[in-house]
Structure formats: structure tokens, C-alpha cells
Amino acid sequence: MFDKFSDRHIGVTNPEDLKAMLAVIGVKSVDELIAQVIPQSIRLKQPLALPQGMSEYEFANHIQALAAKNRTLRSFIGMGYYPCAVPAAIILMRSRHSSNWVISSS
């Protein structure tokens, strides 16, 4: 029944299944359902300006082109500790030795 990714994630595509789902929920259409569950104040006023969809092959080429723009920069991971300002709240938590707060010193 759900062999394809789109069938599992896009929603009900069979008109009879959609009709049955809406009947169980008690609404006449998907638009009515949306009107009942999503507050007007958070709905978009106009459709999103999205580019045309891509095939999997087109997307693979697109993401590869984006990745090619990455630059290797210097990593500071594992370079040691440098003094820094520690907020008073953190110092207070350390002084209480609360088992609820674990602060790594490395």
C-alpha cells in the first residue's frame, strides 16, 4: 500500500480515501479542515514563491555544485582552553555542586 516515499509522506492521494477521511473527521473538504485547525493569524497571506521542483538527478547536481563552493578553514577543535569571561550564574551553579547541573571543564 505504501511502497513509494510519496505515498507515505505527501498525504491522501486516492479520492475515495480522502472522502472517507473527511467524513470521519466531519468536514467537507481539506480547505474546511485547514480553516478549522490553523488560526487565520498564522496563515500565509499569499503563496510561497518557490522555484520549480527538481528531479532527484537535478537535485544531486545542484547540491554537488553548492558543496563545491565550500572552503576548508582552520579548525580550532582540540586547540586547548583559553581564558574567557564566565557569567556569575555559571560560577554560582559550580559552587553549589548541584548534581542537576553538569558543566564540563574541558
Protein backbone atom coordinates (compact mmCIF):
# COMPACT_ATOMS: atom_id res chain seq x y z
CA MET A 1 0.00 0.00 0.00
CA PHE A 2 2.80 2.44 0.90
CA ASP A 3 5.61 1.27 -1.38
CA LYS A 4 6.67 4.73 -2.50
CA PHE A 5 8.05 7.58 -0.42
CA SER A 6 5.47 9.97 -1.85
CA ASP A 7 2.61 7.71 -0.76
CA ARG A 8 3.90 7.69 2.81
CA HIS A 9 4.63 11.39 3.14
CA ILE A 10 2.54 13.52 0.80
CA GLY A 11 -0.83 12.54 2.19
CA VAL A 12 -4.00 11.03 0.88
CA THR A 13 -3.96 10.88 -2.93
CA ASN A 14 -6.80 8.42 -3.54
CA PRO A 15 -10.05 10.42 -3.87
CA GLU A 16 -12.11 7.68 -2.16
CA ASP A 17 -9.70 7.53 0.81
CA LEU A 18 -9.79 11.33 1.07
CA LYS A 19 -13.60 11.34 1.04
CA ALA A 20 -13.67 8.68 3.80
CA MET A 21 -11.10 10.55 5.91
CA LEU A 22 -13.00 13.82 5.65
CA ALA A 23 -16.26 12.06 6.58
CA VAL A 24 -14.68 10.57 9.71
CA ILE A 25 -13.29 13.98 10.70
CA GLY A 26 -16.61 15.65 9.97
CA VAL A 27 -15.61 18.21 7.35
CA LYS A 28 -16.50 18.59 3.67
CA SER A 29 -13.06 19.48 2.29
CA VAL A 30 -9.38 19.82 3.11
CA ASP A 31 -9.81 23.60 2.94
CA GLU A 32 -12.52 23.42 5.60
CA LEU A 33 -10.25 21.26 7.75
CA ILE A 34 -7.41 23.78 7.41
CA ALA A 35 -9.78 26.64 8.24
CA GLN A 36 -10.79 24.85 11.46
CA VAL A 37 -7.31 23.90 12.67
CA ILE A 38 -4.90 26.61 11.55
CA PRO A 39 -5.56 30.06 13.02
CA GLN A 40 -6.01 32.79 10.41
CA SER A 41 -3.35 34.88 12.18
CA ILE A 42 -0.56 32.44 11.30
CA ARG A 43 -1.62 31.55 7.75
CA LEU A 44 0.30 32.95 4.82
CA LYS A 45 -1.41 35.81 3.03
CA GLN A 46 -0.01 34.73 -0.35
CA PRO A 47 1.52 31.54 -1.75
CA LEU A 48 5.23 30.91 -1.24
CA ALA A 49 7.43 31.93 -4.15
CA LEU A 50 9.12 28.56 -4.57
CA PRO A 51 11.25 27.56 -7.56
CA GLN A 52 10.12 24.77 -9.85
CA GLY A 53 10.67 21.30 -8.35
CA MET A 54 13.72 19.23 -9.31
CA SER A 55 14.17 15.61 -10.15
CA GLU A 56 16.43 13.57 -7.89
CA TYR A 57 19.16 13.75 -10.56
CA GLU A 58 18.83 17.54 -10.88
CA PHE A 59 18.93 17.91 -7.10
CA ALA A 60 22.06 15.74 -6.83
CA ASN A 61 23.80 18.01 -9.37
CA HIS A 62 22.53 21.13 -7.59
CA ILE A 63 23.70 20.02 -4.13
CA GLN A 64 27.08 18.95 -5.56
CA ALA A 65 27.52 22.42 -7.08
CA LEU A 66 26.68 24.00 -3.72
CA ALA A 67 29.10 21.72 -1.89
CA ALA A 68 31.86 22.67 -4.35
CA LYS A 69 31.60 26.25 -3.04
CA ASN A 70 32.63 25.17 0.48
CA ARG A 71 36.06 26.28 1.66
CA THR A 72 38.26 24.45 4.13
CA LEU A 73 39.00 26.76 7.03
CA ARG A 74 41.19 26.32 10.07
CA SER A 75 39.56 24.25 12.77
CA PHE A 76 40.12 25.22 16.40
CA ILE A 77 38.67 21.99 17.78
CA GLY A 78 41.12 20.44 20.21
CA MET A 79 43.37 23.52 20.28
CA GLY A 80 43.10 23.91 24.05
CA TYR A 81 41.40 26.20 26.54
CA TYR A 82 41.62 29.95 26.52
CA PRO A 83 40.51 32.15 29.42
CA CYS A 84 37.10 33.68 28.96
CA ALA A 85 34.50 35.57 30.94
CA VAL A 86 32.25 33.20 32.86
CA PRO A 87 28.81 34.56 33.78
CA ALA A 88 28.08 34.82 37.50
CA ALA A 89 25.16 32.39 37.21
CA ILE A 90 27.53 29.66 35.98
CA ILE A 91 30.00 30.33 38.77
CA LEU A 92 27.15 30.13 41.29
CA MET A 93 25.98 26.80 39.85
CA ARG A 94 29.52 25.40 40.02
CA SER A 95 29.87 26.49 43.65
CA ARG A 96 26.68 24.68 44.67
CA HIS A 97 27.91 21.38 43.19
CA SER A 98 24.37 20.54 42.17
CA SER A 99 24.05 17.11 40.61
CA ASN A 100 21.38 18.62 38.32
CA TRP A 101 23.98 20.75 36.56
CA VAL A 102 26.98 19.20 34.91
CA ILE A 103 29.49 21.66 33.49
CA SER A 104 32.44 20.23 31.64
CA SER A 105 35.79 21.86 32.39
CA SER A 106 37.34 20.75 29.12
